[in-house]
Amino acid sequence: NGGSMNISASESVQVVDGGLISLSTFGQGDASNLTIDAKSILIDSRESYFPTSILALVGFNATGKGGNISLKAIDLIEVVNWGKIDVSTLGEGDAGSIQIASRDVLIDGNGKNAKITANVDQDAIGNGGHLKITTSGSLEIVDGGSVSVSTFGTGDAGSMLINAGSLSIDRRGNED
């Protein structure tokens, strides 16, 4: 089983240009948990040819539970330009959960795909994870941004809870 990772910054945490934080399991055992606390959090692939990701997956052919991801920011959390937060299961085991809390949250694909997911993928066995987003201000899901708790394999989808001062889904943004 993996351990846990805690990241705390008085200003910003940025995962950019194809950067990756992975606490996934690819064998037998549970994935790790991640907590990030900062004034602002940015997950942005910019011009990279690779997605910028925070992952706590159950990998293909792995057996175990997905990890949990908790992001807390005072001002803003941005998942943009092919940025991804994913606790899905691709193997055998339940997906993890995602908790996001900030004054404002922006999920903007800019025509690419920015997503937050806790899914059961095709051929996987397990239940989907839970997704909770809490904002005192706005949640914007725009231009290829998405949030999902779906199942494409064997098992139940998780739940999604959104508490926001305002919610905007626009320009091909979607909420599954």
N, C-alpha and C. Protein backbone atom coordinates (compact mmCIF):
# COMPACT_ATOMS: atom_id res chain seq x y z
N ASN A 1 0.84 -1.18 0.00
CA ASN A 1 0.00 0.00 0.00
C ASN A 1 0.88 1.24 0.00
N GLY A 2 0.41 2.25 -0.73
CA GLY A 2 1.14 3.51 -0.76
C GLY A 2 0.88 4.30 0.51
N GLY A 3 1.73 5.27 0.76
CA GLY A 3 1.56 6.16 1.91
C GLY A 3 0.71 7.34 1.51
N SER A 4 0.98 8.49 2.10
CA SER A 4 0.23 9.69 1.75
C SER A 4 1.22 10.82 1.48
N MET A 5 0.76 11.82 0.73
CA MET A 5 1.57 12.98 0.41
C MET A 5 0.78 14.23 0.78
N ASN A 6 1.42 15.13 1.51
CA ASN A 6 0.81 16.40 1.88
C ASN A 6 1.69 17.52 1.36
N ILE A 7 1.08 18.44 0.61
CA ILE A 7 1.79 19.60 0.06
C ILE A 7 1.09 20.84 0.58
N SER A 8 1.88 21.75 1.15
CA SER A 8 1.33 22.99 1.67
C SER A 8 2.20 24.14 1.19
N ALA A 9 1.57 25.21 0.69
CA ALA A 9 2.31 26.38 0.21
C ALA A 9 1.57 27.64 0.64
N SER A 10 2.32 28.64 1.07
CA SER A 10 1.68 29.88 1.50
C SER A 10 1.15 30.67 0.30
N GLU A 11 1.69 30.44 -0.88
CA GLU A 11 1.20 31.13 -2.09
C GLU A 11 0.57 30.12 -3.04
N SER A 12 1.31 29.69 -4.08
CA SER A 12 0.69 28.84 -5.11
C SER A 12 1.40 27.50 -5.25
N VAL A 13 0.63 26.52 -5.72
CA VAL A 13 1.16 25.23 -6.16
C VAL A 13 0.81 25.14 -7.64
N GLN A 14 1.83 24.90 -8.47
CA GLN A 14 1.63 24.81 -9.91
C GLN A 14 2.19 23.49 -10.43
N VAL A 15 1.33 22.74 -11.14
CA VAL A 15 1.75 21.54 -11.85
C VAL A 15 1.51 21.88 -13.31
N VAL A 16 2.59 22.04 -14.10
CA VAL A 16 2.46 22.61 -15.44
C VAL A 16 3.32 21.87 -16.46
N ASP A 17 3.04 22.16 -17.74
CA ASP A 17 3.86 21.69 -18.87
C ASP A 17 4.09 20.18 -18.88
N GLY A 18 3.04 19.40 -18.68
CA GLY A 18 3.17 17.95 -18.69
C GLY A 18 3.61 17.37 -17.36
N GLY A 19 3.63 18.19 -16.32
CA GLY A 19 4.00 17.72 -14.99
C GLY A 19 3.04 16.65 -14.50
N LEU A 20 3.52 15.81 -13.59
CA LEU A 20 2.72 14.68 -13.12
C LEU A 20 2.98 14.44 -11.64
N ILE A 21 1.88 14.34 -10.89
CA ILE A 21 1.93 13.80 -9.53
C ILE A 21 1.09 12.54 -9.58
N SER A 22 1.72 11.39 -9.37
CA SER A 22 1.00 10.12 -9.44
C SER A 22 1.18 9.36 -8.15
N LEU A 23 0.06 9.00 -7.54
CA LEU A 23 0.04 8.20 -6.32
C LEU A 23 -0.76 6.93 -6.59
N SER A 24 -0.61 6.40 -7.79
CA SER A 24 -1.42 5.29 -8.28
C SER A 24 -0.85 3.94 -7.85
N THR A 25 -1.67 2.91 -8.00
CA THR A 25 -1.22 1.54 -7.78
C THR A 25 -1.23 0.81 -9.12
N PHE A 26 -0.15 0.08 -9.38
CA PHE A 26 -0.03 -0.66 -10.63
C PHE A 26 0.21 -2.15 -10.37
N GLY A 27 0.11 -2.55 -9.12
CA GLY A 27 0.27 -3.96 -8.75
C GLY A 27 -0.83 -4.34 -7.78
N GLN A 28 -0.44 -4.95 -6.68
CA GLN A 28 -1.40 -5.31 -5.65
C GLN A 28 -1.19 -4.37 -4.47
N GLY A 29 -2.26 -3.71 -4.05
CA GLY A 29 -2.18 -2.76 -2.95
C GLY A 29 -2.91 -1.48 -3.30
N ASP A 30 -3.15 -0.66 -2.30
CA ASP A 30 -3.93 0.56 -2.48
C ASP A 30 -3.04 1.71 -2.94
N ALA A 31 -3.65 2.61 -3.71
CA ALA A 31 -2.97 3.84 -4.11
C ALA A 31 -2.85 4.76 -2.90
N SER A 32 -2.04 5.79 -3.03
CA SER A 32 -1.81 6.74 -1.94
C SER A 32 -2.83 7.86 -1.97
N ASN A 33 -2.83 8.65 -0.90
CA ASN A 33 -3.70 9.81 -0.78
C ASN A 33 -2.87 11.08 -0.89
N LEU A 34 -3.48 12.14 -1.43
CA LEU A 34 -2.79 13.41 -1.63
C LEU A 34 -3.65 14.54 -1.09
N THR A 35 -3.01 15.43 -0.33
CA THR A 35 -3.65 16.66 0.13
C THR A 35 -2.76 17.83 -0.30
N ILE A 36 -3.37 18.82 -0.95
CA ILE A 36 -2.66 20.06 -1.31
C ILE A 36 -3.44 21.22 -0.72
N ASP A 37 -2.75 22.08 0.06
CA ASP A 37 -3.31 23.31 0.63
C ASP A 37 -2.45 24.47 0.16
N ALA A 38 -3.09 25.49 -0.44
CA ALA A 38 -2.35 26.65 -0.92
C ALA A 38 -3.30 27.83 -1.10
N LYS A 39 -2.73 28.98 -1.42
CA LYS A 39 -3.55 30.14 -1.74
C LYS A 39 -4.22 29.94 -3.10
N SER A 40 -3.46 29.36 -4.06
CA SER A 40 -4.02 29.02 -5.37
C SER A 40 -3.34 27.76 -5.89
N ILE A 41 -4.07 27.01 -6.74
CA ILE A 41 -3.56 25.77 -7.32
C ILE A 41 -3.83 25.81 -8.82
N LEU A 42 -2.78 25.53 -9.61
CA LEU A 42 -2.88 25.54 -11.08
C LEU A 42 -2.41 24.20 -11.62
N ILE A 43 -3.25 23.58 -12.46
CA ILE A 43 -2.90 22.36 -13.19
C ILE A 43 -3.09 22.70 -14.66
N ASP A 44 -1.99 22.89 -15.40
CA ASP A 44 -2.04 23.50 -16.73
C ASP A 44 -0.99 22.88 -17.64
N SER A 45 -1.43 22.24 -18.72
CA SER A 45 -0.48 21.64 -19.67
C SER A 45 0.18 22.67 -20.57
N ARG A 46 -0.39 23.86 -20.64
CA ARG A 46 0.12 24.93 -21.50
C ARG A 46 0.32 24.40 -22.91
N GLU A 47 1.51 24.41 -23.42
CA GLU A 47 1.78 23.96 -24.80
C GLU A 47 2.38 22.55 -24.86
N SER A 48 2.36 21.83 -23.74
CA SER A 48 2.95 20.50 -23.69
C SER A 48 2.20 19.52 -24.59
N TYR A 49 2.91 18.52 -25.07
CA TYR A 49 2.31 17.44 -25.84
C TYR A 49 1.74 16.35 -24.94
N PHE A 50 1.90 16.52 -23.64
CA PHE A 50 1.42 15.54 -22.67
C PHE A 50 0.47 16.23 -21.69
N PRO A 51 -0.55 15.51 -21.20
CA PRO A 51 -1.43 16.12 -20.20
C PRO A 51 -0.68 16.36 -18.89
N THR A 52 -1.09 17.38 -18.20
CA THR A 52 -0.58 17.65 -16.87
C THR A 52 -1.59 17.05 -15.90
N SER A 53 -1.11 16.17 -15.00
CA SER A 53 -2.05 15.34 -14.26
C SER A 53 -1.70 15.19 -12.79
N ILE A 54 -2.76 15.04 -11.99
CA ILE A 54 -2.66 14.54 -10.62
C ILE A 54 -3.50 13.27 -10.61
N LEU A 55 -2.85 12.14 -10.34
CA LEU A 55 -3.49 10.83 -10.45
C LEU A 55 -3.36 10.03 -9.16
N ALA A 56 -4.42 9.29 -8.85
CA ALA A 56 -4.38 8.30 -7.76
C ALA A 56 -5.25 7.13 -8.23
N LEU A 57 -4.80 6.50 -9.31
CA LEU A 57 -5.56 5.48 -10.03
C LEU A 57 -5.32 4.07 -9.52
N VAL A 58 -6.24 3.18 -9.89
CA VAL A 58 -5.98 1.75 -9.88
C VAL A 58 -5.67 1.43 -11.34
N GLY A 59 -4.41 1.10 -11.64
CA GLY A 59 -3.97 0.90 -13.01
C GLY A 59 -4.50 -0.38 -13.64
N PHE A 60 -4.26 -0.52 -14.95
CA PHE A 60 -4.63 -1.75 -15.66
C PHE A 60 -3.98 -2.94 -14.97
N ASN A 61 -4.72 -4.01 -14.82
CA ASN A 61 -4.26 -5.26 -14.20
C ASN A 61 -3.86 -5.11 -12.73
N ALA A 62 -4.13 -3.97 -12.12
CA ALA A 62 -3.82 -3.77 -10.69
C ALA A 62 -5.03 -4.16 -9.85
N THR A 63 -4.75 -4.47 -8.58
CA THR A 63 -5.79 -4.80 -7.62
C THR A 63 -5.57 -3.95 -6.37
N GLY A 64 -6.58 -3.17 -6.00
CA GLY A 64 -6.49 -2.31 -4.83
C GLY A 64 -7.49 -1.19 -4.92
N LYS A 65 -7.44 -0.28 -3.97
CA LYS A 65 -8.33 0.87 -3.96
C LYS A 65 -7.59 2.09 -4.51
N GLY A 66 -8.34 2.92 -5.24
CA GLY A 66 -7.78 4.18 -5.71
C GLY A 66 -7.53 5.12 -4.55
N GLY A 67 -6.63 6.05 -4.74
CA GLY A 67 -6.33 7.01 -3.69
C GLY A 67 -7.32 8.16 -3.67
N ASN A 68 -7.26 8.95 -2.62
CA ASN A 68 -8.11 10.12 -2.47
C ASN A 68 -7.29 11.37 -2.68
N ILE A 69 -7.89 12.36 -3.36
CA ILE A 69 -7.23 13.62 -3.62
C ILE A 69 -8.06 14.74 -3.01
N SER A 70 -7.40 15.58 -2.21
CA SER A 70 -8.06 16.73 -1.59
C SER A 70 -7.26 17.97 -1.96
N LEU A 71 -7.92 18.91 -2.64
CA LEU A 71 -7.30 20.19 -3.01
C LEU A 71 -8.06 21.30 -2.31
N LYS A 72 -7.33 22.13 -1.56
CA LYS A 72 -7.94 23.25 -0.85
C LYS A 72 -7.14 24.50 -1.17
N ALA A 73 -7.84 25.53 -1.68
CA ALA A 73 -7.19 26.80 -1.99
C ALA A 73 -8.03 27.94 -1.44
N ILE A 74 -7.37 28.99 -1.03
CA ILE A 74 -8.09 30.16 -0.52
C ILE A 74 -8.78 30.88 -1.67
N ASP A 75 -8.05 31.10 -2.78
CA ASP A 75 -8.56 31.94 -3.87
C ASP A 75 -9.11 31.14 -5.05
N LEU A 76 -8.25 30.34 -5.72
CA LEU A 76 -8.62 29.79 -7.01
C LEU A 76 -7.94 28.45 -7.26
N ILE A 77 -8.71 27.50 -7.79
CA ILE A 77 -8.17 26.25 -8.31
C ILE A 77 -8.50 26.23 -9.79
N GLU A 78 -7.46 26.06 -10.63
CA GLU A 78 -7.63 26.02 -12.07
C GLU A 78 -7.14 24.68 -12.61
N VAL A 79 -7.99 24.01 -13.39
CA VAL A 79 -7.62 22.81 -14.14
C VAL A 79 -7.87 23.18 -15.59
N VAL A 80 -6.80 23.45 -16.34
CA VAL A 80 -6.95 24.05 -17.68
C VAL A 80 -6.02 23.40 -18.70
N ASN A 81 -6.36 23.60 -19.98
CA ASN A 81 -5.48 23.21 -21.10
C ASN A 81 -4.99 21.77 -21.02
N TRP A 82 -5.88 20.82 -20.93
CA TRP A 82 -5.53 19.40 -20.88
C TRP A 82 -5.04 18.99 -19.49
N GLY A 83 -5.36 19.78 -18.49
CA GLY A 83 -5.07 19.40 -17.12
C GLY A 83 -6.05 18.33 -16.68
N LYS A 84 -5.62 17.49 -15.73
CA LYS A 84 -6.46 16.35 -15.34
C LYS A 84 -6.24 16.00 -13.88
N ILE A 85 -7.34 15.74 -13.17
CA ILE A 85 -7.32 15.14 -11.84
C ILE A 85 -8.15 13.87 -11.97
N ASP A 86 -7.56 12.72 -11.62
CA ASP A 86 -8.21 11.45 -11.93
C ASP A 86 -7.94 10.43 -10.83
N VAL A 87 -9.01 9.86 -10.28
CA VAL A 87 -8.91 8.79 -9.28
C VAL A 87 -9.68 7.55 -9.75
N SER A 88 -9.74 7.35 -11.05
CA SER A 88 -10.53 6.26 -11.64
C SER A 88 -9.89 4.90 -11.39
N THR A 89 -10.68 3.86 -11.63
CA THR A 89 -10.16 2.50 -11.61
C THR A 89 -10.13 1.95 -13.03
N LEU A 90 -8.98 1.43 -13.41
CA LEU A 90 -8.79 0.80 -14.71
C LEU A 90 -8.58 -0.70 -14.53
N GLY A 91 -8.43 -1.13 -13.28
CA GLY A 91 -8.19 -2.53 -12.95
C GLY A 91 -9.30 -3.09 -12.09
N GLU A 92 -8.93 -3.66 -10.94
CA GLU A 92 -9.91 -4.25 -10.03
C GLU A 92 -9.79 -3.59 -8.67
N GLY A 93 -10.83 -2.85 -8.32
CA GLY A 93 -10.86 -2.13 -7.05
C GLY A 93 -11.65 -0.85 -7.20
N ASP A 94 -12.12 -0.32 -6.09
CA ASP A 94 -12.91 0.90 -6.12
C ASP A 94 -12.04 2.12 -6.43
N ALA A 95 -12.63 3.05 -7.17
CA ALA A 95 -11.96 4.32 -7.45
C ALA A 95 -11.85 5.13 -6.16
N GLY A 96 -10.95 6.09 -6.14
CA GLY A 96 -10.82 6.97 -5.00
C GLY A 96 -11.84 8.09 -5.04
N SER A 97 -11.67 9.07 -4.17
CA SER A 97 -12.56 10.22 -4.10
C SER A 97 -11.77 11.51 -4.28
N ILE A 98 -12.47 12.54 -4.74
CA ILE A 98 -11.86 13.86 -4.94
C ILE A 98 -12.68 14.88 -4.17
N GLN A 99 -11.99 15.70 -3.39
CA GLN A 99 -12.62 16.84 -2.72
C GLN A 99 -11.88 18.09 -3.12
N ILE A 100 -12.63 19.07 -3.60
CA ILE A 100 -12.06 20.34 -4.05
C ILE A 100 -12.80 21.46 -3.34
N ALA A 101 -12.05 22.36 -2.71
CA ALA A 101 -12.66 23.48 -2.01
C ALA A 101 -11.83 24.73 -2.28
N SER A 102 -12.51 25.79 -2.73
CA SER A 102 -11.85 27.06 -3.00
C SER A 102 -12.92 28.13 -3.16
N ARG A 103 -12.49 29.39 -3.11
CA ARG A 103 -13.45 30.45 -3.39
C ARG A 103 -13.98 30.30 -4.81
N ASP A 104 -13.07 30.09 -5.79
CA ASP A 104 -13.45 29.92 -7.19
C ASP A 104 -12.74 28.71 -7.77
N VAL A 105 -13.41 28.01 -8.70
CA VAL A 105 -12.83 26.87 -9.41
C VAL A 105 -13.12 27.05 -10.90
N LEU A 106 -12.06 26.88 -11.72
CA LEU A 106 -12.19 26.97 -13.17
C LEU A 106 -11.68 25.68 -13.79
N ILE A 107 -12.53 25.04 -14.61
CA ILE A 107 -12.15 23.86 -15.39
C ILE A 107 -12.34 24.24 -16.85
N ASP A 108 -11.25 24.56 -17.52
CA ASP A 108 -11.31 25.14 -18.87
C ASP A 108 -10.37 24.38 -19.79
N GLY A 109 -10.95 23.63 -20.75
CA GLY A 109 -10.14 22.87 -21.69
C GLY A 109 -9.50 23.71 -22.78
N ASN A 110 -9.97 24.94 -22.95
CA ASN A 110 -9.48 25.79 -24.05
C ASN A 110 -9.48 25.01 -25.36
N GLY A 111 -10.57 24.28 -25.62
CA GLY A 111 -10.70 23.50 -26.84
C GLY A 111 -10.01 22.14 -26.79
N LYS A 112 -9.29 21.85 -25.72
CA LYS A 112 -8.63 20.55 -25.57
C LYS A 112 -9.53 19.70 -24.68
N ASN A 113 -9.08 19.34 -23.52
CA ASN A 113 -9.88 18.56 -22.59
C ASN A 113 -9.27 18.73 -21.21
N ALA A 114 -9.97 19.39 -20.33
CA ALA A 114 -9.56 19.49 -18.93
C ALA A 114 -10.62 18.75 -18.13
N LYS A 115 -10.19 17.85 -17.23
CA LYS A 115 -11.21 17.04 -16.58
C LYS A 115 -10.86 16.66 -15.16
N ILE A 116 -11.92 16.40 -14.41
CA ILE A 116 -11.84 15.86 -13.06
C ILE A 116 -12.74 14.64 -13.07
N THR A 117 -12.16 13.46 -12.82
CA THR A 117 -12.92 12.22 -12.98
C THR A 117 -12.66 11.24 -11.83
N ALA A 118 -13.72 10.47 -11.54
CA ALA A 118 -13.66 9.38 -10.56
C ALA A 118 -14.49 8.23 -11.14
N ASN A 119 -14.02 7.67 -12.24
CA ASN A 119 -14.79 6.73 -13.05
C ASN A 119 -14.36 5.28 -12.86
N VAL A 120 -15.23 4.38 -13.33
CA VAL A 120 -14.89 2.98 -13.54
C VAL A 120 -14.73 2.84 -15.05
N ASP A 121 -13.50 2.60 -15.51
CA ASP A 121 -13.25 2.54 -16.95
C ASP A 121 -13.69 1.21 -17.53
N GLN A 122 -13.72 1.15 -18.86
CA GLN A 122 -14.10 -0.06 -19.57
C GLN A 122 -13.22 -1.22 -19.13
N ASP A 123 -13.81 -2.38 -18.93
CA ASP A 123 -13.15 -3.61 -18.49
C ASP A 123 -12.70 -3.58 -17.04
N ALA A 124 -12.93 -2.48 -16.31
CA ALA A 124 -12.55 -2.41 -14.90
C ALA A 124 -13.67 -2.99 -14.03
N ILE A 125 -13.29 -3.41 -12.81
CA ILE A 125 -14.24 -3.95 -11.85
C ILE A 125 -14.09 -3.17 -10.56
N GLY A 126 -15.16 -2.53 -10.13
CA GLY A 126 -15.13 -1.75 -8.90
C GLY A 126 -16.17 -0.64 -8.96
N ASN A 127 -16.32 0.05 -7.87
CA ASN A 127 -17.26 1.17 -7.83
C ASN A 127 -16.54 2.47 -8.09
N GLY A 128 -17.26 3.40 -8.71
CA GLY A 128 -16.69 4.72 -8.99
C GLY A 128 -16.50 5.51 -7.71
N GLY A 129 -15.67 6.51 -7.78
CA GLY A 129 -15.40 7.35 -6.62
C GLY A 129 -16.37 8.50 -6.50
N HIS A 130 -16.25 9.23 -5.43
CA HIS A 130 -17.12 10.37 -5.16
C HIS A 130 -16.36 11.66 -5.47
N LEU A 131 -17.09 12.64 -5.96
CA LEU A 131 -16.52 13.93 -6.32
C LEU A 131 -17.32 15.02 -5.63
N LYS A 132 -16.61 15.85 -4.87
CA LYS A 132 -17.26 16.96 -4.17
C LYS A 132 -16.50 18.24 -4.48
N ILE A 133 -17.22 19.23 -5.00
CA ILE A 133 -16.63 20.54 -5.29
C ILE A 133 -17.42 21.58 -4.50
N THR A 134 -16.71 22.36 -3.70
CA THR A 134 -17.33 23.40 -2.88
C THR A 134 -16.66 24.74 -3.18
N THR A 135 -17.46 25.71 -3.58
CA THR A 135 -16.94 27.06 -3.81
C THR A 135 -17.87 28.06 -3.12
N SER A 136 -17.28 29.10 -2.55
CA SER A 136 -18.11 30.18 -2.03
C SER A 136 -18.42 31.17 -3.14
N GLY A 137 -17.61 31.14 -4.20
CA GLY A 137 -17.80 32.02 -5.36
C GLY A 137 -18.36 31.24 -6.53
N SER A 138 -17.52 31.08 -7.59
CA SER A 138 -18.03 30.47 -8.82
C SER A 138 -17.31 29.17 -9.17
N LEU A 139 -18.07 28.29 -9.82
CA LEU A 139 -17.52 27.11 -10.48
C LEU A 139 -17.84 27.28 -11.96
N GLU A 140 -16.79 27.33 -12.79
CA GLU A 140 -16.96 27.46 -14.24
C GLU A 140 -16.39 26.22 -14.91
N ILE A 141 -17.20 25.57 -15.75
CA ILE A 141 -16.79 24.41 -16.54
C ILE A 141 -17.00 24.81 -17.99
N VAL A 142 -15.91 25.07 -18.72
CA VAL A 142 -16.04 25.69 -20.04
C VAL A 142 -15.10 25.07 -21.07
N ASP A 143 -15.49 25.17 -22.33
CA ASP A 143 -14.67 24.91 -23.52
C ASP A 143 -13.87 23.61 -23.46
N GLY A 144 -14.57 22.51 -23.27
CA GLY A 144 -13.90 21.21 -23.20
C GLY A 144 -13.58 20.77 -21.79
N GLY A 145 -14.01 21.52 -20.79
CA GLY A 145 -13.85 21.12 -19.40
C GLY A 145 -14.94 20.14 -19.02
N SER A 146 -14.64 19.19 -18.11
CA SER A 146 -15.67 18.24 -17.68
C SER A 146 -15.38 17.74 -16.28
N VAL A 147 -16.44 17.33 -15.60
CA VAL A 147 -16.36 16.62 -14.33
C VAL A 147 -17.25 15.40 -14.47
N SER A 148 -16.77 14.23 -14.01
CA SER A 148 -17.59 13.03 -14.20
C SER A 148 -17.34 11.99 -13.12
N VAL A 149 -18.41 11.24 -12.83
CA VAL A 149 -18.40 10.07 -11.95
C VAL A 149 -19.21 8.98 -12.66
N SER A 150 -18.64 8.44 -13.71
CA SER A 150 -19.34 7.48 -14.58
C SER A 150 -18.80 6.07 -14.38
N THR A 151 -19.55 5.10 -14.93
CA THR A 151 -19.05 3.73 -14.99
C THR A 151 -19.20 3.21 -16.42
N PHE A 152 -18.12 2.65 -16.92
CA PHE A 152 -18.09 2.02 -18.23
C PHE A 152 -17.74 0.54 -18.10
N GLY A 153 -17.48 0.11 -16.87
CA GLY A 153 -17.11 -1.27 -16.60
C GLY A 153 -18.14 -1.92 -15.69
N THR A 154 -17.68 -2.76 -14.75
CA THR A 154 -18.55 -3.46 -13.82
C THR A 154 -18.48 -2.77 -12.47
N GLY A 155 -19.61 -2.23 -12.03
CA GLY A 155 -19.67 -1.54 -10.75
C GLY A 155 -20.54 -0.30 -10.85
N ASP A 156 -20.85 0.26 -9.70
CA ASP A 156 -21.70 1.45 -9.65
C ASP A 156 -20.87 2.72 -9.80
N ALA A 157 -21.49 3.72 -10.42
CA ALA A 157 -20.86 5.04 -10.48
C ALA A 157 -20.87 5.66 -9.09
N GLY A 158 -19.97 6.57 -8.85
CA GLY A 158 -19.94 7.28 -7.58
C GLY A 158 -20.94 8.41 -7.58
N SER A 159 -20.84 9.27 -6.60
CA SER A 159 -21.75 10.41 -6.50
C SER A 159 -20.98 11.71 -6.74
N MET A 160 -21.72 12.73 -7.15
CA MET A 160 -21.15 14.05 -7.35
C MET A 160 -21.97 15.05 -6.55
N LEU A 161 -21.29 15.89 -5.80
CA LEU A 161 -21.94 16.93 -5.02
C LEU A 161 -21.25 18.24 -5.34
N ILE A 162 -22.02 19.21 -5.79
CA ILE A 162 -21.49 20.53 -6.10
C ILE A 162 -22.23 21.54 -5.24
N ASN A 163 -21.49 22.29 -4.44
CA ASN A 163 -22.01 23.42 -3.68
C ASN A 163 -21.25 24.65 -4.15
N ALA A 164 -21.94 25.53 -4.88
CA ALA A 164 -21.26 26.69 -5.45
C ALA A 164 -22.11 27.93 -5.30
N GLY A 165 -21.43 29.07 -5.15
CA GLY A 165 -22.15 30.34 -5.16
C GLY A 165 -22.82 30.54 -6.50
N SER A 166 -22.10 30.20 -7.59
CA SER A 166 -22.67 30.22 -8.94
C SER A 166 -22.01 29.13 -9.76
N LEU A 167 -22.76 28.59 -10.73
CA LEU A 167 -22.28 27.52 -11.60
C LEU A 167 -22.50 27.94 -13.04
N SER A 168 -21.44 27.84 -13.85
CA SER A 168 -21.53 28.16 -15.27
C SER A 168 -20.94 27.01 -16.08
N ILE A 169 -21.77 26.42 -16.98
CA ILE A 169 -21.31 25.39 -17.90
C ILE A 169 -21.55 25.95 -19.29
N ASP A 170 -20.45 26.11 -20.06
CA ASP A 170 -20.57 26.84 -21.32
C ASP A 170 -19.55 26.37 -22.34
N ARG A 171 -19.82 26.60 -23.62
CA ARG A 171 -18.93 26.31 -24.74
C ARG A 171 -18.38 24.89 -24.70
N ARG A 172 -19.25 23.93 -24.80
CA ARG A 172 -18.91 22.51 -24.82
C ARG A 172 -18.43 21.99 -23.47
N GLY A 173 -18.50 22.76 -22.43
CA GLY A 173 -18.20 22.24 -21.09
C GLY A 173 -19.34 21.32 -20.69
N ASN A 174 -19.05 20.29 -19.88
CA ASN A 174 -20.14 19.41 -19.50
C ASN A 174 -19.96 18.86 -18.11
N GLU A 175 -21.09 18.46 -17.55
CA GLU A 175 -21.14 17.85 -16.23
C GLU A 175 -21.87 16.52 -16.41
N ASP A 176 -21.18 15.39 -16.24
CA ASP A 176 -21.79 14.05 -16.42
C ASP A 176 -22.27 13.53 -15.09
